[in-house]
């Protein structure tokens, strides 16, 4: 085991496991995970320019959100010193976020639950060799 106080051990472990590739993450996006994954599947593995072109002409609402996220990831990559023309989308995924629960009144005094789903979307870029 590593020597030192547990906070030192944890901080060292976090430094060792830190993500080195440029990425951007959006938490609590007001789009369901399933709908976001349709758009993410279309851009996975594509270079950044192609992905932004696909997102610009995709009619889904999630494409607007993901387009902004990809641009943010490219800006993060530029800060880290990457060349934006050599970047491609290595990984992109959406996970479940919290669910807002609402009630819809129905016939005979009953009520239906409405689930307004959110998702956490992550885009990870990398350089082409």
N, C-alpha and C. Protein backbone atom coordinates (compact mmCIF):
# COMPACT_ATOMS: atom_id res chain seq x y z
N UNK A 1 0.82 -1.19 0.00
CA UNK A 1 0.00 0.00 0.00
C UNK A 1 0.86 1.24 0.00
N UNK A 2 0.29 2.31 -0.53
CA UNK A 2 1.02 3.58 -0.60
C UNK A 2 1.13 4.19 0.79
N UNK A 3 2.23 4.89 0.98
CA UNK A 3 2.46 5.54 2.28
C UNK A 3 1.86 6.93 2.26
N UNK A 4 1.53 7.42 3.43
CA UNK A 4 1.01 8.77 3.56
C UNK A 4 -0.42 8.78 4.04
N UNK A 5 -0.92 9.98 4.22
CA UNK A 5 -2.29 10.17 4.67
C UNK A 5 -3.25 9.76 3.56
N UNK A 6 -4.45 9.36 3.90
CA UNK A 6 -5.38 8.86 2.88
C UNK A 6 -5.73 9.93 1.84
N UNK A 7 -5.72 11.21 2.23
CA UNK A 7 -5.98 12.25 1.24
C UNK A 7 -4.84 12.34 0.23
N UNK A 8 -3.61 12.13 0.69
CA UNK A 8 -2.48 12.11 -0.23
C UNK A 8 -2.55 10.91 -1.16
N UNK A 9 -2.95 9.77 -0.62
CA UNK A 9 -3.07 8.56 -1.44
C UNK A 9 -4.14 8.75 -2.51
N UNK A 10 -5.28 9.32 -2.09
CA UNK A 10 -6.37 9.54 -3.04
C UNK A 10 -5.99 10.55 -4.11
N UNK A 11 -5.32 11.63 -3.74
CA UNK A 11 -4.95 12.64 -4.72
C UNK A 11 -3.93 12.08 -5.71
N UNK A 12 -3.03 11.24 -5.24
CA UNK A 12 -2.07 10.60 -6.15
C UNK A 12 -2.78 9.66 -7.11
N UNK A 13 -3.73 8.88 -6.59
CA UNK A 13 -4.49 7.96 -7.43
C UNK A 13 -5.30 8.74 -8.47
N UNK A 14 -5.89 9.87 -8.09
CA UNK A 14 -6.65 10.69 -9.04
C UNK A 14 -5.75 11.28 -10.11
N UNK A 15 -4.53 11.68 -9.73
CA UNK A 15 -3.58 12.20 -10.72
C UNK A 15 -3.20 11.11 -11.72
N UNK A 16 -3.01 9.88 -11.22
CA UNK A 16 -2.62 8.78 -12.10
C UNK A 16 -3.73 8.37 -13.05
N UNK A 17 -4.98 8.49 -12.61
CA UNK A 17 -6.12 8.03 -13.41
C UNK A 17 -6.81 9.14 -14.20
N UNK A 18 -6.21 10.33 -14.23
CA UNK A 18 -6.84 11.46 -14.89
C UNK A 18 -6.90 11.23 -16.41
N UNK A 19 -7.99 11.65 -16.99
CA UNK A 19 -8.19 11.55 -18.43
C UNK A 19 -7.27 12.53 -19.13
N UNK A 20 -6.40 12.06 -20.02
CA UNK A 20 -5.45 12.92 -20.70
C UNK A 20 -5.97 13.40 -22.05
N UNK A 21 -6.94 12.69 -22.62
CA UNK A 21 -7.50 13.13 -23.90
C UNK A 21 -8.42 14.33 -23.68
N UNK A 22 -8.52 15.21 -24.68
CA UNK A 22 -9.45 16.34 -24.52
C UNK A 22 -10.90 15.85 -24.55
N UNK A 23 -11.71 16.40 -23.67
CA UNK A 23 -13.11 15.97 -23.61
C UNK A 23 -13.99 17.12 -23.14
N UNK A 24 -15.29 16.91 -23.30
CA UNK A 24 -16.28 17.84 -22.76
C UNK A 24 -17.44 17.00 -22.25
N UNK A 25 -18.01 17.44 -21.15
CA UNK A 25 -19.11 16.70 -20.53
C UNK A 25 -20.25 17.66 -20.22
N UNK A 26 -21.45 17.23 -20.52
CA UNK A 26 -22.64 18.02 -20.21
C UNK A 26 -23.51 17.20 -19.27
N UNK A 27 -23.76 17.75 -18.09
CA UNK A 27 -24.62 17.08 -17.13
C UNK A 27 -26.01 17.69 -17.17
N UNK A 28 -26.99 16.89 -16.92
CA UNK A 28 -28.39 17.30 -16.82
C UNK A 28 -28.91 17.89 -18.13
N UNK A 29 -28.56 17.28 -19.26
CA UNK A 29 -29.11 17.72 -20.54
C UNK A 29 -30.58 17.29 -20.60
N UNK A 30 -31.45 18.20 -21.01
CA UNK A 30 -32.88 17.92 -21.02
C UNK A 30 -33.28 17.16 -22.28
N UNK A 31 -32.65 16.01 -22.48
CA UNK A 31 -32.98 15.12 -23.58
C UNK A 31 -32.76 13.71 -23.04
N UNK A 32 -33.60 12.78 -23.44
CA UNK A 32 -33.47 11.43 -22.91
C UNK A 32 -32.22 10.76 -23.47
N UNK A 33 -31.73 9.79 -22.75
CA UNK A 33 -30.51 9.10 -23.15
C UNK A 33 -30.69 8.40 -24.49
N UNK A 34 -31.84 7.80 -24.68
CA UNK A 34 -32.09 7.06 -25.93
C UNK A 34 -32.07 8.00 -27.13
N UNK A 35 -32.68 9.17 -27.00
CA UNK A 35 -32.71 10.13 -28.11
C UNK A 35 -31.33 10.71 -28.38
N UNK A 36 -30.55 10.91 -27.32
CA UNK A 36 -29.19 11.42 -27.51
C UNK A 36 -28.31 10.39 -28.19
N UNK A 37 -28.52 9.12 -27.87
CA UNK A 37 -27.68 8.06 -28.45
C UNK A 37 -27.90 7.92 -29.95
N UNK A 38 -29.09 8.23 -30.46
CA UNK A 38 -29.31 8.18 -31.91
C UNK A 38 -28.37 9.14 -32.62
N UNK A 39 -28.19 10.32 -32.06
CA UNK A 39 -27.32 11.33 -32.65
C UNK A 39 -25.85 10.97 -32.42
N UNK A 40 -25.52 10.48 -31.23
CA UNK A 40 -24.13 10.14 -30.92
C UNK A 40 -23.63 9.00 -31.80
N UNK A 41 -24.50 8.05 -32.13
CA UNK A 41 -24.10 6.94 -32.99
C UNK A 41 -23.72 7.43 -34.39
N UNK A 42 -24.33 8.53 -34.83
CA UNK A 42 -24.07 9.05 -36.17
C UNK A 42 -22.70 9.72 -36.27
N UNK A 43 -22.17 10.22 -35.16
CA UNK A 43 -20.91 10.97 -35.23
C UNK A 43 -19.72 10.22 -34.64
N UNK A 44 -19.94 9.08 -34.02
CA UNK A 44 -18.85 8.35 -33.37
C UNK A 44 -17.82 7.90 -34.41
N UNK A 45 -16.55 8.21 -34.16
CA UNK A 45 -15.47 7.81 -35.04
C UNK A 45 -15.20 8.77 -36.19
N UNK A 46 -16.02 9.77 -36.37
CA UNK A 46 -15.85 10.74 -37.46
C UNK A 46 -14.87 11.84 -37.04
N UNK A 47 -14.25 12.49 -38.05
CA UNK A 47 -13.43 13.63 -37.70
C UNK A 47 -14.34 14.80 -37.32
N UNK A 48 -13.78 15.80 -36.68
CA UNK A 48 -14.58 16.86 -36.07
C UNK A 48 -15.37 17.66 -37.11
N UNK A 49 -14.74 17.97 -38.25
CA UNK A 49 -15.44 18.76 -39.28
C UNK A 49 -16.65 18.01 -39.83
N UNK A 50 -16.48 16.71 -40.09
CA UNK A 50 -17.59 15.90 -40.58
C UNK A 50 -18.70 15.79 -39.54
N UNK A 51 -18.29 15.60 -38.29
CA UNK A 51 -19.28 15.47 -37.21
C UNK A 51 -20.09 16.76 -37.06
N UNK A 52 -19.42 17.91 -37.14
CA UNK A 52 -20.16 19.18 -37.01
C UNK A 52 -21.09 19.39 -38.20
N UNK A 53 -20.69 18.93 -39.39
CA UNK A 53 -21.58 19.03 -40.55
C UNK A 53 -22.80 18.14 -40.39
N UNK A 54 -22.59 16.94 -39.87
CA UNK A 54 -23.72 16.02 -39.62
C UNK A 54 -24.67 16.63 -38.60
N UNK A 55 -24.12 17.19 -37.54
CA UNK A 55 -24.95 17.75 -36.48
C UNK A 55 -25.70 18.99 -36.94
N UNK A 56 -25.10 19.77 -37.84
CA UNK A 56 -25.76 20.99 -38.31
C UNK A 56 -27.02 20.68 -39.10
N UNK A 57 -27.04 19.55 -39.82
CA UNK A 57 -28.19 19.23 -40.68
C UNK A 57 -29.07 18.12 -40.12
N UNK A 58 -28.80 17.71 -38.90
CA UNK A 58 -29.63 16.69 -38.26
C UNK A 58 -30.85 17.38 -37.63
N UNK A 59 -32.07 16.92 -37.93
CA UNK A 59 -33.25 17.63 -37.43
C UNK A 59 -33.58 17.41 -35.95
N UNK A 60 -32.92 16.49 -35.30
CA UNK A 60 -33.24 16.19 -33.90
C UNK A 60 -32.79 17.31 -32.96
N UNK A 61 -33.52 17.46 -31.86
CA UNK A 61 -33.17 18.49 -30.86
C UNK A 61 -31.83 18.18 -30.22
N UNK A 62 -31.56 16.90 -29.99
CA UNK A 62 -30.32 16.52 -29.32
C UNK A 62 -29.09 16.93 -30.12
N UNK A 63 -29.23 17.07 -31.43
CA UNK A 63 -28.07 17.43 -32.25
C UNK A 63 -27.60 18.85 -31.95
N UNK A 64 -28.50 19.75 -31.60
CA UNK A 64 -28.11 21.11 -31.23
C UNK A 64 -27.27 21.10 -29.95
N UNK A 65 -27.70 20.31 -28.99
CA UNK A 65 -27.01 20.22 -27.71
C UNK A 65 -25.63 19.59 -27.91
N UNK A 66 -25.57 18.52 -28.70
CA UNK A 66 -24.32 17.80 -28.91
C UNK A 66 -23.36 18.62 -29.77
N UNK A 67 -23.89 19.41 -30.71
CA UNK A 67 -23.04 20.27 -31.52
C UNK A 67 -22.28 21.27 -30.64
N UNK A 68 -22.99 21.85 -29.71
CA UNK A 68 -22.37 22.79 -28.77
C UNK A 68 -21.31 22.09 -27.92
N UNK A 69 -21.59 20.84 -27.55
CA UNK A 69 -20.67 20.07 -26.73
C UNK A 69 -19.40 19.71 -27.51
N UNK A 70 -19.54 19.36 -28.79
CA UNK A 70 -18.38 19.03 -29.62
C UNK A 70 -17.50 20.27 -29.80
N UNK A 71 -18.13 21.42 -30.02
CA UNK A 71 -17.36 22.67 -30.15
C UNK A 71 -16.60 22.98 -28.86
N UNK A 72 -17.21 22.70 -27.74
CA UNK A 72 -16.55 22.91 -26.45
C UNK A 72 -15.36 21.96 -26.30
N UNK A 73 -15.52 20.71 -26.73
CA UNK A 73 -14.42 19.74 -26.64
C UNK A 73 -13.26 20.16 -27.54
N UNK A 74 -13.57 20.71 -28.73
CA UNK A 74 -12.52 21.19 -29.64
C UNK A 74 -11.78 22.38 -29.00
N UNK A 75 -12.52 23.27 -28.36
CA UNK A 75 -11.88 24.41 -27.69
C UNK A 75 -10.99 23.92 -26.55
N UNK A 76 -11.43 22.91 -25.81
CA UNK A 76 -10.60 22.35 -24.75
C UNK A 76 -9.33 21.73 -25.32
N UNK A 77 -9.45 21.10 -26.49
CA UNK A 77 -8.29 20.48 -27.13
C UNK A 77 -7.29 21.55 -27.58
N UNK A 78 -7.80 22.67 -28.08
CA UNK A 78 -6.90 23.75 -28.51
C UNK A 78 -6.11 24.30 -27.32
N UNK A 79 -6.76 24.40 -26.17
CA UNK A 79 -6.08 24.89 -24.97
C UNK A 79 -4.97 23.92 -24.57
N UNK A 80 -5.21 22.61 -24.75
CA UNK A 80 -4.19 21.61 -24.42
C UNK A 80 -3.09 21.50 -25.46
N UNK A 81 -3.24 22.22 -26.59
CA UNK A 81 -2.19 22.23 -27.60
C UNK A 81 -2.40 21.30 -28.77
N UNK A 82 -3.60 20.75 -28.93
CA UNK A 82 -3.89 19.87 -30.06
C UNK A 82 -4.21 20.70 -31.30
N UNK A 83 -3.97 20.12 -32.48
CA UNK A 83 -4.32 20.76 -33.74
C UNK A 83 -5.77 20.39 -34.08
N UNK A 84 -6.69 21.35 -34.20
CA UNK A 84 -8.11 21.02 -34.42
C UNK A 84 -8.38 20.27 -35.73
N UNK A 85 -7.50 20.42 -36.72
CA UNK A 85 -7.75 19.74 -38.00
C UNK A 85 -7.44 18.24 -37.93
N UNK A 86 -6.69 17.81 -36.90
CA UNK A 86 -6.34 16.39 -36.77
C UNK A 86 -7.20 15.65 -35.76
N UNK A 87 -8.21 16.30 -35.21
CA UNK A 87 -9.02 15.67 -34.16
C UNK A 87 -10.16 14.83 -34.73
N UNK A 88 -10.48 13.77 -34.03
CA UNK A 88 -11.67 12.99 -34.35
C UNK A 88 -12.35 12.58 -33.05
N UNK A 89 -13.60 12.16 -33.17
CA UNK A 89 -14.39 11.80 -31.99
C UNK A 89 -14.11 10.33 -31.68
N UNK A 90 -13.33 10.10 -30.64
CA UNK A 90 -12.95 8.74 -30.29
C UNK A 90 -14.06 8.04 -29.52
N UNK A 91 -14.62 8.72 -28.54
CA UNK A 91 -15.70 8.15 -27.73
C UNK A 91 -16.77 9.21 -27.54
N UNK A 92 -18.00 8.77 -27.55
CA UNK A 92 -19.11 9.64 -27.16
C UNK A 92 -20.21 8.74 -26.61
N UNK A 93 -20.73 9.13 -25.49
CA UNK A 93 -21.76 8.30 -24.86
C UNK A 93 -22.67 9.17 -24.00
N UNK A 94 -23.83 8.63 -23.71
CA UNK A 94 -24.81 9.31 -22.88
C UNK A 94 -25.24 8.36 -21.77
N UNK A 95 -25.28 8.87 -20.56
CA UNK A 95 -25.73 8.09 -19.42
C UNK A 95 -26.98 8.71 -18.83
N UNK A 96 -27.69 7.92 -18.06
CA UNK A 96 -28.92 8.42 -17.45
C UNK A 96 -28.62 9.49 -16.41
N UNK A 97 -29.41 10.53 -16.43
CA UNK A 97 -29.34 11.57 -15.42
C UNK A 97 -30.56 11.46 -14.52
N UNK A 98 -30.81 12.47 -13.72
CA UNK A 98 -31.99 12.44 -12.87
C UNK A 98 -33.27 12.55 -13.69
N UNK A 99 -34.36 12.13 -13.11
CA UNK A 99 -35.65 12.15 -13.78
C UNK A 99 -36.59 13.08 -13.01
N UNK A 100 -37.18 14.04 -13.72
CA UNK A 100 -38.19 14.88 -13.10
C UNK A 100 -39.53 14.16 -13.22
N UNK A 101 -40.22 14.00 -12.13
CA UNK A 101 -41.50 13.28 -12.14
C UNK A 101 -42.64 14.28 -12.04
N UNK A 102 -43.54 14.23 -12.99
CA UNK A 102 -44.69 15.12 -13.03
C UNK A 102 -45.96 14.28 -13.07
N UNK A 103 -47.09 14.92 -12.80
CA UNK A 103 -48.37 14.21 -12.76
C UNK A 103 -49.31 14.80 -13.79
N UNK A 104 -49.93 13.93 -14.57
CA UNK A 104 -50.92 14.32 -15.57
C UNK A 104 -52.29 13.84 -15.09
N UNK A 105 -53.24 14.74 -14.85
CA UNK A 105 -54.59 14.29 -14.44
C UNK A 105 -55.26 13.50 -15.57
N UNK A 106 -55.95 12.44 -15.18
CA UNK A 106 -56.63 11.60 -16.17
C UNK A 106 -58.09 11.41 -15.74
N UNK A 107 -58.79 10.59 -16.48
CA UNK A 107 -60.22 10.41 -16.26
C UNK A 107 -60.50 9.77 -14.89
N UNK A 108 -61.67 10.10 -14.34
CA UNK A 108 -62.19 9.52 -13.10
C UNK A 108 -61.25 9.75 -11.92
N UNK A 109 -60.58 10.90 -11.91
CA UNK A 109 -59.78 11.28 -10.75
C UNK A 109 -58.44 10.58 -10.62
N UNK A 110 -58.04 9.84 -11.64
CA UNK A 110 -56.75 9.17 -11.55
C UNK A 110 -55.65 10.10 -12.04
N UNK A 111 -54.43 9.67 -11.87
CA UNK A 111 -53.29 10.48 -12.29
C UNK A 111 -52.25 9.57 -12.92
N UNK A 112 -51.64 10.04 -14.00
CA UNK A 112 -50.56 9.33 -14.66
C UNK A 112 -49.25 10.04 -14.32
N UNK A 113 -48.19 9.25 -14.22
CA UNK A 113 -46.86 9.82 -14.01
C UNK A 113 -46.25 10.18 -15.36
N UNK A 114 -45.63 11.34 -15.43
CA UNK A 114 -44.88 11.73 -16.61
C UNK A 114 -43.43 11.84 -16.17
N UNK A 115 -42.54 11.14 -16.88
CA UNK A 115 -41.13 11.17 -16.57
C UNK A 115 -40.42 12.07 -17.57
N UNK A 116 -39.84 13.16 -17.09
CA UNK A 116 -39.05 14.04 -17.95
C UNK A 116 -37.60 13.68 -17.70
N UNK A 117 -37.06 12.93 -18.63
CA UNK A 117 -35.74 12.34 -18.44
C UNK A 117 -34.61 13.30 -18.81
N UNK A 118 -33.50 13.16 -18.12
CA UNK A 118 -32.29 13.92 -18.41
C UNK A 118 -31.15 12.94 -18.66
N UNK A 119 -30.08 13.45 -19.25
CA UNK A 119 -28.94 12.59 -19.50
C UNK A 119 -27.64 13.36 -19.28
N UNK A 120 -26.58 12.62 -19.06
CA UNK A 120 -25.24 13.16 -18.95
C UNK A 120 -24.48 12.72 -20.19
N UNK A 121 -24.07 13.68 -21.02
CA UNK A 121 -23.45 13.37 -22.31
C UNK A 121 -21.97 13.71 -22.25
N UNK A 122 -21.13 12.80 -22.75
CA UNK A 122 -19.68 12.99 -22.76
C UNK A 122 -19.14 12.78 -24.16
N UNK A 123 -18.25 13.67 -24.60
CA UNK A 123 -17.59 13.55 -25.90
C UNK A 123 -16.09 13.59 -25.64
N UNK A 124 -15.37 12.55 -26.11
CA UNK A 124 -13.92 12.47 -25.93
C UNK A 124 -13.28 12.49 -27.31
N UNK A 125 -12.31 13.38 -27.48
CA UNK A 125 -11.62 13.52 -28.77
C UNK A 125 -10.23 12.89 -28.68
N UNK A 126 -9.64 12.68 -29.85
CA UNK A 126 -8.25 12.23 -29.92
C UNK A 126 -7.66 12.66 -31.24
N UNK A 127 -6.34 12.62 -31.35
CA UNK A 127 -5.68 13.03 -32.58
C UNK A 127 -5.48 11.84 -33.49
N UNK A 128 -5.61 12.09 -34.81
CA UNK A 128 -5.30 11.06 -35.80
C UNK A 128 -3.79 10.92 -35.90
N UNK A 129 -3.34 9.69 -36.11
CA UNK A 129 -1.89 9.47 -36.24
C UNK A 129 -1.43 9.67 -37.67
